Every structure is written in structure tokens, then in C-alpha cells.
């Protein structure tokens, strides 16, 4: 029997996300924007809810093309409040658009959103060796620092816990437990 992180064993959607994506280092700015948006949308909700709405988010936010989303008008944001395929929360919808604008500014300053983000951990994934998911922290000094800097730059819905979940999702940190079959797989990916 394959061992997985316990959070992923309740349904096939979370299991597929865990097995194929969670924790793999991501360096594409558009994909990083997608994960930042989804993690921000998850605030106060279950991750399963967000995974179930992921395709809706991709449609609603132009497959997370940063420049397109940054140009969304107030009228467009208002129309998204009627879109049942995403979380219909005005502040969260507006945050996706504002965060896209902020990413464009970061890209001008750093050359890429990827380069900016990965500087917070020295450019390579942090490798943890948790024996149980109960030991995995909700936030760290690195996520605190990332959250503070993102907020200073105008990003929205981006607290330290959200930042840490984002870091886990995008492989900035390997938080697969040691008994999980993905722990060593992800550890080898750079």
C-alpha cells in the first residue's frame, strides 16, 4: 500500500493533487500566480473546495495570464461575483486583480516573480523531515518575512499561514512527511 501525507487520503481529487503536483518546485510566474491566487481564495475554506473550483478559476482569470488579469475592470470583477464556478467573495476576487498588478511591479524590479519569491529561501527548496503531519507548522520565519514583504508591496489576502501553504504547494519547502512516497521524490527535484 502506498503511504501518503494523511491530508490527501480523503478523496481522489486531493490525492491526485498530492501525488502529481503538491511540493514540486514551481518556477513559472503564471503558475506561481495561480497558486498564490488559489491559496488566497482558500482562506477560511477547505482546500478541497478550491480544488473543485480550480477550473472555474482558470476560466474566470484568463488561465492566470498576469497582464490580462491586471487589466480587469471593476465591471469585470462585479461580473465575477455572479460566477458560481469560483468563490464569490468580492475582496478575494479583487485581491486576484490587485495581486496581478503587484506581480507586474515585482517583475519589473526583479526580472521575474519567481526570482523574487525564491530569494526568500536562498534559491533552493527547504527540505524538512517531518515524521507526522501534526508536526508541520502553519507558518515559519520565512513565511512571516514573505507575507510582510508582499503586504508592503500591496498584495492582498496574503498572511503568513497563506504564504506557508503557498510555499508548500510550489515546492519552496518540502513538507511531505518522511513516510510519504513523495517525500524522497520531491527531495530529488531541484
N, C-alpha and C. Protein backbone atom coordinates (compact mmCIF):
# COMPACT_ATOMS: atom_id res chain seq x y z
N UNK A 1 0.84 -1.19 0.00
CA UNK A 1 0.00 0.00 0.00
C UNK A 1 0.88 1.25 0.00
N UNK A 2 0.53 2.20 -0.84
CA UNK A 2 1.28 3.45 -0.95
C UNK A 2 0.96 4.34 0.25
N UNK A 3 1.99 4.87 0.88
CA UNK A 3 1.83 5.80 2.01
C UNK A 3 1.85 7.23 1.48
N UNK A 4 0.90 8.03 1.96
CA UNK A 4 0.79 9.43 1.57
C UNK A 4 0.68 10.30 2.82
N UNK A 5 0.83 11.60 2.61
CA UNK A 5 0.53 12.55 3.68
C UNK A 5 -0.95 12.40 4.00
N UNK A 6 -1.29 12.33 5.28
CA UNK A 6 -2.66 11.99 5.68
C UNK A 6 -3.71 12.96 5.15
N UNK A 7 -3.37 14.24 4.94
CA UNK A 7 -4.36 15.21 4.47
C UNK A 7 -4.90 14.88 3.09
N UNK A 8 -4.17 14.06 2.33
CA UNK A 8 -4.52 13.81 0.93
C UNK A 8 -5.32 12.53 0.72
N UNK A 9 -5.63 11.83 1.78
CA UNK A 9 -6.21 10.49 1.62
C UNK A 9 -7.73 10.45 1.64
N UNK A 10 -8.40 11.60 1.79
CA UNK A 10 -9.85 11.57 1.96
C UNK A 10 -10.62 11.49 0.64
N UNK A 11 -10.03 11.94 -0.46
CA UNK A 11 -10.73 11.86 -1.75
C UNK A 11 -9.75 11.86 -2.91
N UNK A 12 -10.25 11.46 -4.07
CA UNK A 12 -9.37 11.28 -5.23
C UNK A 12 -8.81 12.59 -5.76
N UNK A 13 -9.56 13.69 -5.64
CA UNK A 13 -9.08 14.98 -6.14
C UNK A 13 -7.86 15.45 -5.35
N UNK A 14 -7.95 15.40 -4.02
CA UNK A 14 -6.80 15.78 -3.18
C UNK A 14 -5.64 14.80 -3.37
N UNK A 15 -5.95 13.53 -3.53
CA UNK A 15 -4.91 12.53 -3.73
C UNK A 15 -4.14 12.79 -5.03
N UNK A 16 -4.84 13.09 -6.10
CA UNK A 16 -4.18 13.37 -7.38
C UNK A 16 -3.33 14.63 -7.28
N UNK A 17 -3.86 15.66 -6.63
CA UNK A 17 -3.10 16.91 -6.43
C UNK A 17 -1.83 16.62 -5.63
N UNK A 18 -1.96 15.86 -4.56
CA UNK A 18 -0.80 15.49 -3.72
C UNK A 18 0.22 14.71 -4.52
N UNK A 19 -0.24 13.71 -5.26
CA UNK A 19 0.66 12.79 -5.95
C UNK A 19 1.36 13.41 -7.15
N UNK A 20 0.70 14.36 -7.82
CA UNK A 20 1.23 14.88 -9.08
C UNK A 20 1.80 16.29 -9.01
N UNK A 21 1.45 17.05 -7.97
CA UNK A 21 1.76 18.46 -8.02
C UNK A 21 2.32 19.05 -6.73
N UNK A 22 1.67 18.77 -5.60
CA UNK A 22 2.00 19.43 -4.33
C UNK A 22 3.46 19.19 -3.95
N UNK A 23 4.16 20.26 -3.74
CA UNK A 23 5.54 20.18 -3.28
C UNK A 23 6.59 20.16 -4.38
N UNK A 24 6.18 20.07 -5.63
CA UNK A 24 7.16 20.12 -6.72
C UNK A 24 7.58 21.57 -6.94
N UNK A 25 8.87 21.83 -7.03
CA UNK A 25 9.33 23.21 -7.25
C UNK A 25 8.75 23.82 -8.52
N UNK A 26 8.11 24.96 -8.35
CA UNK A 26 7.48 25.67 -9.47
C UNK A 26 8.24 26.97 -9.71
N UNK A 27 8.54 27.26 -10.99
CA UNK A 27 9.30 28.46 -11.32
C UNK A 27 8.64 29.33 -12.39
N UNK A 28 7.49 28.91 -12.89
CA UNK A 28 6.78 29.67 -13.92
C UNK A 28 5.93 30.75 -13.24
N UNK A 29 6.11 32.00 -13.64
CA UNK A 29 5.41 33.11 -12.99
C UNK A 29 3.89 32.96 -13.05
N UNK A 30 3.36 32.50 -14.16
CA UNK A 30 1.92 32.34 -14.29
C UNK A 30 1.39 31.26 -13.34
N UNK A 31 2.11 30.17 -13.23
CA UNK A 31 1.71 29.09 -12.31
C UNK A 31 1.85 29.54 -10.86
N UNK A 32 2.88 30.32 -10.58
CA UNK A 32 3.04 30.85 -9.22
C UNK A 32 1.89 31.80 -8.89
N UNK A 33 1.48 32.61 -9.86
CA UNK A 33 0.33 33.49 -9.68
C UNK A 33 -0.94 32.68 -9.42
N UNK A 34 -1.11 31.60 -10.18
CA UNK A 34 -2.27 30.74 -9.97
C UNK A 34 -2.29 30.20 -8.54
N UNK A 35 -1.18 29.65 -8.09
CA UNK A 35 -1.15 29.06 -6.76
C UNK A 35 -1.32 30.11 -5.67
N UNK A 36 -0.76 31.28 -5.86
CA UNK A 36 -0.94 32.36 -4.90
C UNK A 36 -2.42 32.73 -4.82
N UNK A 37 -3.07 32.80 -5.96
CA UNK A 37 -4.49 33.15 -6.03
C UNK A 37 -5.35 32.08 -5.36
N UNK A 38 -5.05 30.83 -5.64
CA UNK A 38 -5.84 29.74 -5.07
C UNK A 38 -5.64 29.64 -3.56
N UNK A 39 -4.40 29.79 -3.12
CA UNK A 39 -4.15 29.75 -1.67
C UNK A 39 -4.83 30.92 -0.97
N UNK A 40 -4.85 32.08 -1.59
CA UNK A 40 -5.54 33.23 -1.02
C UNK A 40 -7.05 32.99 -0.97
N UNK A 41 -7.60 32.39 -2.02
CA UNK A 41 -9.02 32.10 -2.07
C UNK A 41 -9.41 31.06 -1.00
N UNK A 42 -8.49 30.20 -0.67
CA UNK A 42 -8.76 29.13 0.30
C UNK A 42 -8.93 29.65 1.72
N UNK A 43 -8.44 30.81 2.00
CA UNK A 43 -8.52 31.37 3.35
C UNK A 43 -9.93 31.23 3.93
N UNK A 44 -10.04 30.47 5.01
CA UNK A 44 -11.32 30.25 5.66
C UNK A 44 -12.14 29.12 5.06
N UNK A 45 -11.65 28.48 4.02
CA UNK A 45 -12.36 27.39 3.35
C UNK A 45 -11.48 26.15 3.32
N UNK A 46 -12.04 25.06 2.87
CA UNK A 46 -11.24 23.84 2.73
C UNK A 46 -10.48 23.87 1.40
N UNK A 47 -9.34 23.19 1.36
CA UNK A 47 -8.57 23.09 0.13
C UNK A 47 -9.36 22.32 -0.92
N UNK A 48 -10.13 21.35 -0.49
CA UNK A 48 -10.95 20.58 -1.43
C UNK A 48 -11.92 21.50 -2.18
N UNK A 49 -12.53 22.45 -1.49
CA UNK A 49 -13.42 23.40 -2.14
C UNK A 49 -12.71 24.13 -3.27
N UNK A 50 -11.49 24.55 -3.01
CA UNK A 50 -10.71 25.29 -4.02
C UNK A 50 -10.32 24.38 -5.18
N UNK A 51 -9.89 23.16 -4.88
CA UNK A 51 -9.55 22.23 -5.96
C UNK A 51 -10.76 21.96 -6.85
N UNK A 52 -11.93 21.86 -6.25
CA UNK A 52 -13.15 21.62 -7.03
C UNK A 52 -13.49 22.81 -7.93
N UNK A 53 -13.04 23.99 -7.56
CA UNK A 53 -13.32 25.20 -8.33
C UNK A 53 -12.13 25.66 -9.18
N UNK A 54 -11.07 24.88 -9.21
CA UNK A 54 -9.85 25.29 -9.89
C UNK A 54 -10.06 25.59 -11.37
N UNK A 55 -10.78 24.75 -12.05
CA UNK A 55 -11.04 25.00 -13.48
C UNK A 55 -11.84 26.29 -13.67
N UNK A 56 -12.77 26.54 -12.77
CA UNK A 56 -13.53 27.78 -12.81
C UNK A 56 -12.63 29.00 -12.63
N UNK A 57 -11.68 28.89 -11.72
CA UNK A 57 -10.72 29.98 -11.52
C UNK A 57 -9.88 30.20 -12.78
N UNK A 58 -9.48 29.12 -13.40
CA UNK A 58 -8.67 29.26 -14.63
C UNK A 58 -9.46 29.97 -15.72
N UNK A 59 -10.75 29.63 -15.86
CA UNK A 59 -11.59 30.31 -16.85
C UNK A 59 -11.82 31.77 -16.46
N UNK A 60 -12.16 31.99 -15.22
CA UNK A 60 -12.50 33.34 -14.76
C UNK A 60 -11.32 34.30 -14.82
N UNK A 61 -10.12 33.77 -14.62
CA UNK A 61 -8.94 34.63 -14.55
C UNK A 61 -7.95 34.34 -15.68
N UNK A 62 -8.50 34.15 -16.87
CA UNK A 62 -7.71 34.07 -18.11
C UNK A 62 -6.51 33.14 -17.99
N UNK A 63 -6.75 31.97 -17.40
CA UNK A 63 -5.68 30.99 -17.20
C UNK A 63 -4.48 31.61 -16.48
N UNK A 64 -4.77 32.59 -15.65
CA UNK A 64 -3.78 33.28 -14.82
C UNK A 64 -2.68 33.96 -15.63
N UNK A 65 -3.10 34.52 -16.78
CA UNK A 65 -2.18 35.37 -17.54
C UNK A 65 -2.12 36.71 -16.80
N UNK A 66 -1.00 36.98 -16.22
CA UNK A 66 -0.84 38.10 -15.29
C UNK A 66 -1.24 39.43 -15.91
N UNK A 67 -0.76 39.72 -17.10
CA UNK A 67 -1.06 41.01 -17.74
C UNK A 67 -2.55 41.18 -18.02
N UNK A 68 -3.21 40.10 -18.44
CA UNK A 68 -4.65 40.18 -18.72
C UNK A 68 -5.42 40.45 -17.43
N UNK A 69 -5.10 39.70 -16.39
CA UNK A 69 -5.83 39.85 -15.12
C UNK A 69 -5.60 41.23 -14.52
N UNK A 70 -4.40 41.76 -14.67
CA UNK A 70 -4.09 43.09 -14.13
C UNK A 70 -4.95 44.17 -14.79
N UNK A 71 -5.46 43.90 -15.98
CA UNK A 71 -6.30 44.87 -16.69
C UNK A 71 -7.80 44.70 -16.41
N UNK A 72 -8.17 43.75 -15.58
CA UNK A 72 -9.59 43.55 -15.28
C UNK A 72 -10.18 44.82 -14.69
N UNK A 73 -11.33 45.19 -15.20
CA UNK A 73 -12.04 46.39 -14.75
C UNK A 73 -12.91 46.07 -13.53
N UNK A 74 -13.40 47.11 -12.92
CA UNK A 74 -14.36 46.94 -11.82
C UNK A 74 -15.60 46.19 -12.31
N UNK A 75 -16.02 46.50 -13.53
CA UNK A 75 -17.19 45.83 -14.12
C UNK A 75 -16.93 44.33 -14.26
N UNK A 76 -15.74 43.97 -14.71
CA UNK A 76 -15.39 42.55 -14.85
C UNK A 76 -15.40 41.87 -13.47
N UNK A 77 -14.84 42.53 -12.48
CA UNK A 77 -14.83 41.97 -11.12
C UNK A 77 -16.25 41.80 -10.59
N UNK A 78 -17.11 42.76 -10.89
CA UNK A 78 -18.52 42.66 -10.48
C UNK A 78 -19.19 41.45 -11.14
N UNK A 79 -18.88 41.23 -12.41
CA UNK A 79 -19.48 40.08 -13.10
C UNK A 79 -19.00 38.75 -12.51
N UNK A 80 -17.78 38.73 -12.00
CA UNK A 80 -17.26 37.50 -11.41
C UNK A 80 -17.97 37.14 -10.11
N UNK A 81 -18.59 38.13 -9.48
CA UNK A 81 -19.38 37.85 -8.26
C UNK A 81 -20.58 36.96 -8.55
N UNK A 82 -20.96 36.85 -9.83
CA UNK A 82 -22.09 36.01 -10.23
C UNK A 82 -21.64 34.64 -10.73
N UNK A 83 -20.33 34.41 -10.78
CA UNK A 83 -19.76 33.18 -11.32
C UNK A 83 -19.70 32.10 -10.23
N UNK A 84 -20.60 31.13 -10.31
CA UNK A 84 -20.66 30.08 -9.28
C UNK A 84 -19.48 29.10 -9.36
N UNK A 85 -18.68 29.20 -10.40
CA UNK A 85 -17.55 28.29 -10.54
C UNK A 85 -16.33 28.73 -9.74
N UNK A 86 -16.41 29.89 -9.08
CA UNK A 86 -15.35 30.38 -8.20
C UNK A 86 -15.97 30.77 -6.85
N UNK A 87 -15.12 31.07 -5.90
CA UNK A 87 -15.61 31.59 -4.62
C UNK A 87 -16.04 33.03 -4.86
N UNK A 88 -17.31 33.30 -4.62
CA UNK A 88 -17.88 34.62 -4.91
C UNK A 88 -17.73 35.54 -3.70
N UNK A 89 -16.53 36.00 -3.52
CA UNK A 89 -16.18 36.87 -2.39
C UNK A 89 -15.49 38.09 -2.98
N UNK A 90 -16.14 39.24 -2.85
CA UNK A 90 -15.67 40.45 -3.52
C UNK A 90 -14.22 40.78 -3.21
N UNK A 91 -13.83 40.72 -1.95
CA UNK A 91 -12.45 41.07 -1.59
C UNK A 91 -11.44 40.07 -2.15
N UNK A 92 -11.82 38.81 -2.19
CA UNK A 92 -10.91 37.80 -2.75
C UNK A 92 -10.77 37.94 -4.26
N UNK A 93 -11.85 38.25 -4.93
CA UNK A 93 -11.80 38.47 -6.38
C UNK A 93 -10.94 39.70 -6.68
N UNK A 94 -11.20 40.77 -5.96
CA UNK A 94 -10.40 41.99 -6.15
C UNK A 94 -8.92 41.75 -5.83
N UNK A 95 -8.66 40.89 -4.86
CA UNK A 95 -7.27 40.58 -4.49
C UNK A 95 -6.52 39.93 -5.64
N UNK A 96 -7.18 39.06 -6.39
CA UNK A 96 -6.51 38.41 -7.53
C UNK A 96 -6.05 39.48 -8.53
N UNK A 97 -6.91 40.44 -8.79
CA UNK A 97 -6.58 41.50 -9.76
C UNK A 97 -5.48 42.40 -9.20
N UNK A 98 -5.61 42.81 -7.95
CA UNK A 98 -4.57 43.66 -7.34
C UNK A 98 -3.24 42.94 -7.26
N UNK A 99 -3.27 41.66 -6.93
CA UNK A 99 -2.03 40.88 -6.85
C UNK A 99 -1.37 40.74 -8.22
N UNK A 100 -2.17 40.63 -9.27
CA UNK A 100 -1.61 40.59 -10.62
C UNK A 100 -0.86 41.89 -10.91
N UNK A 101 -1.44 43.03 -10.54
CA UNK A 101 -0.77 44.32 -10.73
C UNK A 101 0.52 44.38 -9.93
N UNK A 102 0.49 43.86 -8.72
CA UNK A 102 1.69 43.86 -7.88
C UNK A 102 2.78 42.95 -8.47
N UNK A 103 2.36 41.82 -9.03
CA UNK A 103 3.34 40.92 -9.66
C UNK A 103 4.03 41.62 -10.82
N UNK A 104 3.29 42.38 -11.61
CA UNK A 104 3.92 43.13 -12.71
C UNK A 104 4.99 44.07 -12.18
N UNK A 105 4.74 44.72 -11.06
CA UNK A 105 5.74 45.60 -10.46
C UNK A 105 6.96 44.81 -9.97
N UNK A 106 6.70 43.65 -9.36
CA UNK A 106 7.80 42.80 -8.90
C UNK A 106 8.63 42.33 -10.09
N UNK A 107 7.97 41.96 -11.18
CA UNK A 107 8.69 41.52 -12.38
C UNK A 107 9.60 42.62 -12.91
N UNK A 108 9.13 43.86 -12.87
CA UNK A 108 9.97 44.97 -13.33
C UNK A 108 11.20 45.13 -12.44
N UNK A 109 11.00 44.96 -11.16
CA UNK A 109 12.10 45.16 -10.21
C UNK A 109 13.07 43.98 -10.17
N UNK A 110 12.56 42.75 -10.24
CA UNK A 110 13.38 41.55 -10.06
C UNK A 110 13.62 40.76 -11.34
N UNK A 111 12.91 41.11 -12.39
CA UNK A 111 13.03 40.34 -13.63
C UNK A 111 11.99 39.23 -13.72
N UNK A 112 11.59 38.69 -12.57
CA UNK A 112 10.55 37.66 -12.53
C UNK A 112 9.98 37.57 -11.13
N UNK A 113 8.74 37.12 -11.05
CA UNK A 113 8.12 36.86 -9.75
C UNK A 113 8.82 35.68 -9.10
N UNK A 114 9.18 34.71 -9.92
CA UNK A 114 9.91 33.53 -9.46
C UNK A 114 11.19 33.92 -8.72
N UNK A 115 12.01 34.77 -9.33
CA UNK A 115 13.27 35.16 -8.71
C UNK A 115 13.06 35.86 -7.38
N UNK A 116 12.05 36.71 -7.33
CA UNK A 116 11.72 37.40 -6.09
C UNK A 116 11.35 36.41 -4.98
N UNK A 117 10.44 35.49 -5.30
CA UNK A 117 9.95 34.54 -4.30
C UNK A 117 11.05 33.63 -3.78
N UNK A 118 11.79 33.05 -4.70
CA UNK A 118 12.79 32.04 -4.30
C UNK A 118 13.96 32.66 -3.55
N UNK A 119 14.16 33.96 -3.66
CA UNK A 119 15.19 34.63 -2.86
C UNK A 119 14.90 34.51 -1.36
N UNK A 120 13.65 34.37 -0.99
CA UNK A 120 13.28 34.27 0.43
C UNK A 120 13.80 32.99 1.08
N UNK A 121 14.14 32.00 0.26
CA UNK A 121 14.66 30.74 0.82
C UNK A 121 16.03 30.39 0.24
N UNK A 122 16.72 31.37 -0.28
CA UNK A 122 18.06 31.12 -0.80
C UNK A 122 18.12 30.42 -2.13
N UNK A 123 17.01 30.39 -2.87
CA UNK A 123 17.02 29.87 -4.23
C UNK A 123 16.83 28.37 -4.38
N UNK A 124 16.79 27.63 -3.28
CA UNK A 124 16.57 26.18 -3.40
C UNK A 124 15.60 25.72 -2.33
N UNK A 125 14.86 24.63 -2.61
CA UNK A 125 13.82 24.17 -1.69
C UNK A 125 14.37 23.84 -0.31
N UNK A 126 13.60 24.22 0.70
CA UNK A 126 13.92 23.83 2.07
C UNK A 126 13.42 22.41 2.27
N UNK A 127 14.27 21.55 2.81
CA UNK A 127 13.93 20.14 2.99
C UNK A 127 13.64 19.85 4.46
N UNK A 128 12.40 19.49 4.74
CA UNK A 128 12.02 19.11 6.10
C UNK A 128 11.90 17.60 6.19
N UNK A 129 11.93 17.10 7.38
CA UNK A 129 11.85 15.66 7.62
C UNK A 129 10.85 15.37 8.73
N UNK A 130 9.61 15.80 8.50
CA UNK A 130 8.56 15.61 9.50
C UNK A 130 8.14 14.15 9.53
N UNK A 131 7.97 13.63 10.76
CA UNK A 131 7.51 12.25 10.93
C UNK A 131 5.98 12.16 10.87
N UNK A 132 5.30 13.28 11.13
CA UNK A 132 3.85 13.32 11.16
C UNK A 132 3.36 14.67 10.68
N UNK A 133 2.19 14.69 10.05
CA UNK A 133 1.62 15.96 9.61
C UNK A 133 1.28 16.86 10.80
N UNK A 134 1.11 16.28 11.98
CA UNK A 134 0.82 17.06 13.18
C UNK A 134 2.01 17.95 13.57
N UNK A 135 3.20 17.61 13.09
CA UNK A 135 4.41 18.37 13.41
C UNK A 135 4.66 19.52 12.43
N UNK A 136 4.00 19.49 11.29
CA UNK A 136 4.22 20.51 10.26
C UNK A 136 3.65 21.85 10.75
N UNK A 137 4.46 22.90 10.72
CA UNK A 137 3.97 24.19 11.20
C UNK A 137 2.98 24.83 10.24
N UNK A 138 2.19 25.75 10.76
CA UNK A 138 1.25 26.50 9.93
C UNK A 138 1.93 27.70 9.28
N UNK A 139 3.05 28.14 9.88
CA UNK A 139 3.82 29.25 9.34
C UNK A 139 5.24 29.15 9.90
N UNK A 140 6.14 29.90 9.27
CA UNK A 140 7.55 29.88 9.67
C UNK A 140 8.12 31.29 9.59
N UNK A 141 9.36 31.45 9.99
CA UNK A 141 10.01 32.75 9.86
C UNK A 141 10.05 33.20 8.40
N UNK A 142 10.29 32.26 7.49
CA UNK A 142 10.35 32.60 6.07
C UNK A 142 8.98 33.05 5.55
N UNK A 143 7.92 32.36 5.97
CA UNK A 143 6.59 32.76 5.51
C UNK A 143 6.18 34.09 6.15
N UNK A 144 6.63 34.33 7.39
CA UNK A 144 6.38 35.63 8.02
C UNK A 144 7.04 36.74 7.21
N UNK A 145 8.29 36.52 6.83
CA UNK A 145 9.04 37.53 6.08
C UNK A 145 8.42 37.76 4.70
N UNK A 146 8.05 36.67 4.03
CA UNK A 146 7.41 36.78 2.71
C UNK A 146 6.09 37.54 2.82
N UNK A 147 5.28 37.19 3.80
CA UNK A 147 3.99 37.86 3.98
C UNK A 147 4.18 39.36 4.23
N UNK A 148 5.11 39.71 5.10
CA UNK A 148 5.36 41.12 5.40
C UNK A 148 5.76 41.88 4.14
N UNK A 149 6.66 41.29 3.35
CA UNK A 149 7.14 41.98 2.16
C UNK A 149 6.05 42.09 1.09
N UNK A 150 5.28 41.02 0.91
CA UNK A 150 4.18 41.07 -0.06
C UNK A 150 3.17 42.14 0.33
N UNK A 151 2.81 42.20 1.61
CA UNK A 151 1.86 43.21 2.07
C UNK A 151 2.41 44.62 1.85
N UNK A 152 3.70 44.79 2.13
CA UNK A 152 4.34 46.10 1.92
C UNK A 152 4.24 46.52 0.46
N UNK A 153 4.25 45.55 -0.45
CA UNK A 153 4.17 45.81 -1.89
C UNK A 153 2.73 45.95 -2.39
N UNK A 154 1.76 45.78 -1.49
CA UNK A 154 0.37 45.98 -1.86
C UNK A 154 -0.43 44.70 -2.11
N UNK A 155 0.18 43.54 -1.96
CA UNK A 155 -0.54 42.28 -2.15
C UNK A 155 -1.63 42.14 -1.09
N UNK A 156 -2.71 41.44 -1.45
CA UNK A 156 -3.87 41.26 -0.58
C UNK A 156 -4.11 39.78 -0.27
N UNK A 157 -4.78 39.53 0.84
CA UNK A 157 -5.13 38.17 1.29
C UNK A 157 -3.90 37.28 1.33
N UNK A 158 -2.86 37.73 2.00
CA UNK A 158 -1.58 37.05 1.94
C UNK A 158 -0.89 37.03 3.30
N UNK A 159 -1.59 36.47 4.31
CA UNK A 159 -1.00 36.33 5.63
C UNK A 159 0.07 35.25 5.65
N UNK A 160 0.73 35.12 6.77
CA UNK A 160 1.84 34.16 6.88
C UNK A 160 1.40 32.72 6.67
N UNK A 161 0.23 32.35 7.18
CA UNK A 161 -0.26 30.97 7.00
C UNK A 161 -0.54 30.70 5.52
N UNK A 162 -1.14 31.65 4.84
CA UNK A 162 -1.38 31.52 3.40
C UNK A 162 -0.05 31.41 2.66
N UNK A 163 0.92 32.24 3.05
CA UNK A 163 2.24 32.19 2.41
C UNK A 163 2.90 30.83 2.61
N UNK A 164 2.77 30.27 3.81
CA UNK A 164 3.41 28.98 4.04
C UNK A 164 2.74 27.88 3.21
N UNK A 165 1.41 27.91 3.14
CA UNK A 165 0.70 26.94 2.30
C UNK A 165 1.13 27.08 0.84
N UNK A 166 1.31 28.33 0.39
CA UNK A 166 1.80 28.61 -0.96
C UNK A 166 3.22 28.05 -1.14
N UNK A 167 4.07 28.25 -0.16
CA UNK A 167 5.45 27.74 -0.23
C UNK A 167 5.46 26.21 -0.30
N UNK A 168 4.58 25.57 0.45
CA UNK A 168 4.48 24.11 0.40
C UNK A 168 4.00 23.66 -0.98
N UNK A 169 2.97 24.31 -1.46
CA UNK A 169 2.36 23.92 -2.74
C UNK A 169 3.32 24.05 -3.90
N UNK A 170 4.15 25.10 -3.87
CA UNK A 170 5.04 25.39 -5.00
C UNK A 170 6.45 24.84 -4.81
N UNK A 171 6.61 23.99 -3.82
CA UNK A 171 7.89 23.31 -3.65
C UNK A 171 9.01 24.16 -3.08
N UNK A 172 8.69 25.32 -2.57
CA UNK A 172 9.72 26.12 -1.91
C UNK A 172 10.15 25.44 -0.62
N UNK A 173 9.27 24.60 -0.11
CA UNK A 173 9.56 23.80 1.07
C UNK A 173 8.97 22.41 0.84
N UNK A 174 9.71 21.37 1.22
CA UNK A 174 9.23 20.00 1.09
C UNK A 174 8.67 19.58 2.44
N UNK A 175 7.35 19.58 2.55
CA UNK A 175 6.69 19.17 3.78
C UNK A 175 5.94 17.86 3.65
N UNK A 176 6.29 17.05 2.64
CA UNK A 176 5.79 15.68 2.62
C UNK A 176 6.42 14.99 3.83
N UNK A 177 5.61 14.25 4.60
CA UNK A 177 6.17 13.53 5.74
C UNK A 177 7.11 12.45 5.23
N UNK A 178 8.04 12.03 6.08
CA UNK A 178 9.08 11.10 5.64
C UNK A 178 8.53 9.74 5.22
N UNK A 179 7.38 9.35 5.75
CA UNK A 179 6.80 8.06 5.36
C UNK A 179 6.03 8.14 4.04
N UNK A 180 5.81 9.34 3.53
CA UNK A 180 5.08 9.54 2.28
C UNK A 180 5.98 9.17 1.09
N UNK A 181 5.41 8.48 0.11
CA UNK A 181 6.19 8.08 -1.06
C UNK A 181 6.72 9.27 -1.85
N UNK A 182 6.10 10.43 -1.70
CA UNK A 182 6.53 11.62 -2.44
C UNK A 182 7.70 12.35 -1.78
N UNK A 183 7.95 12.09 -0.51
CA UNK A 183 9.00 12.84 0.21
C UNK A 183 10.34 12.78 -0.53
N UNK A 184 10.82 11.58 -0.80
CA UNK A 184 12.13 11.44 -1.46
C UNK A 184 12.08 11.82 -2.94
N UNK A 185 10.93 11.61 -3.58
CA UNK A 185 10.79 12.02 -4.99
C UNK A 185 10.96 13.53 -5.10
N UNK A 186 10.23 14.27 -4.27
CA UNK A 186 10.27 15.73 -4.30
C UNK A 186 11.66 16.22 -3.86
N UNK A 187 12.25 15.54 -2.91
CA UNK A 187 13.56 15.92 -2.40
C UNK A 187 14.63 15.94 -3.50
N UNK A 188 14.48 15.04 -4.46
CA UNK A 188 15.46 14.91 -5.55
C UNK A 188 15.26 15.96 -6.66
N UNK A 189 14.07 16.57 -6.71
CA UNK A 189 13.77 17.55 -7.75
C UNK A 189 14.33 18.89 -7.33
N UNK A 190 15.04 19.55 -8.20
CA UNK A 190 15.61 20.85 -7.88
C UNK A 190 15.03 21.93 -8.76
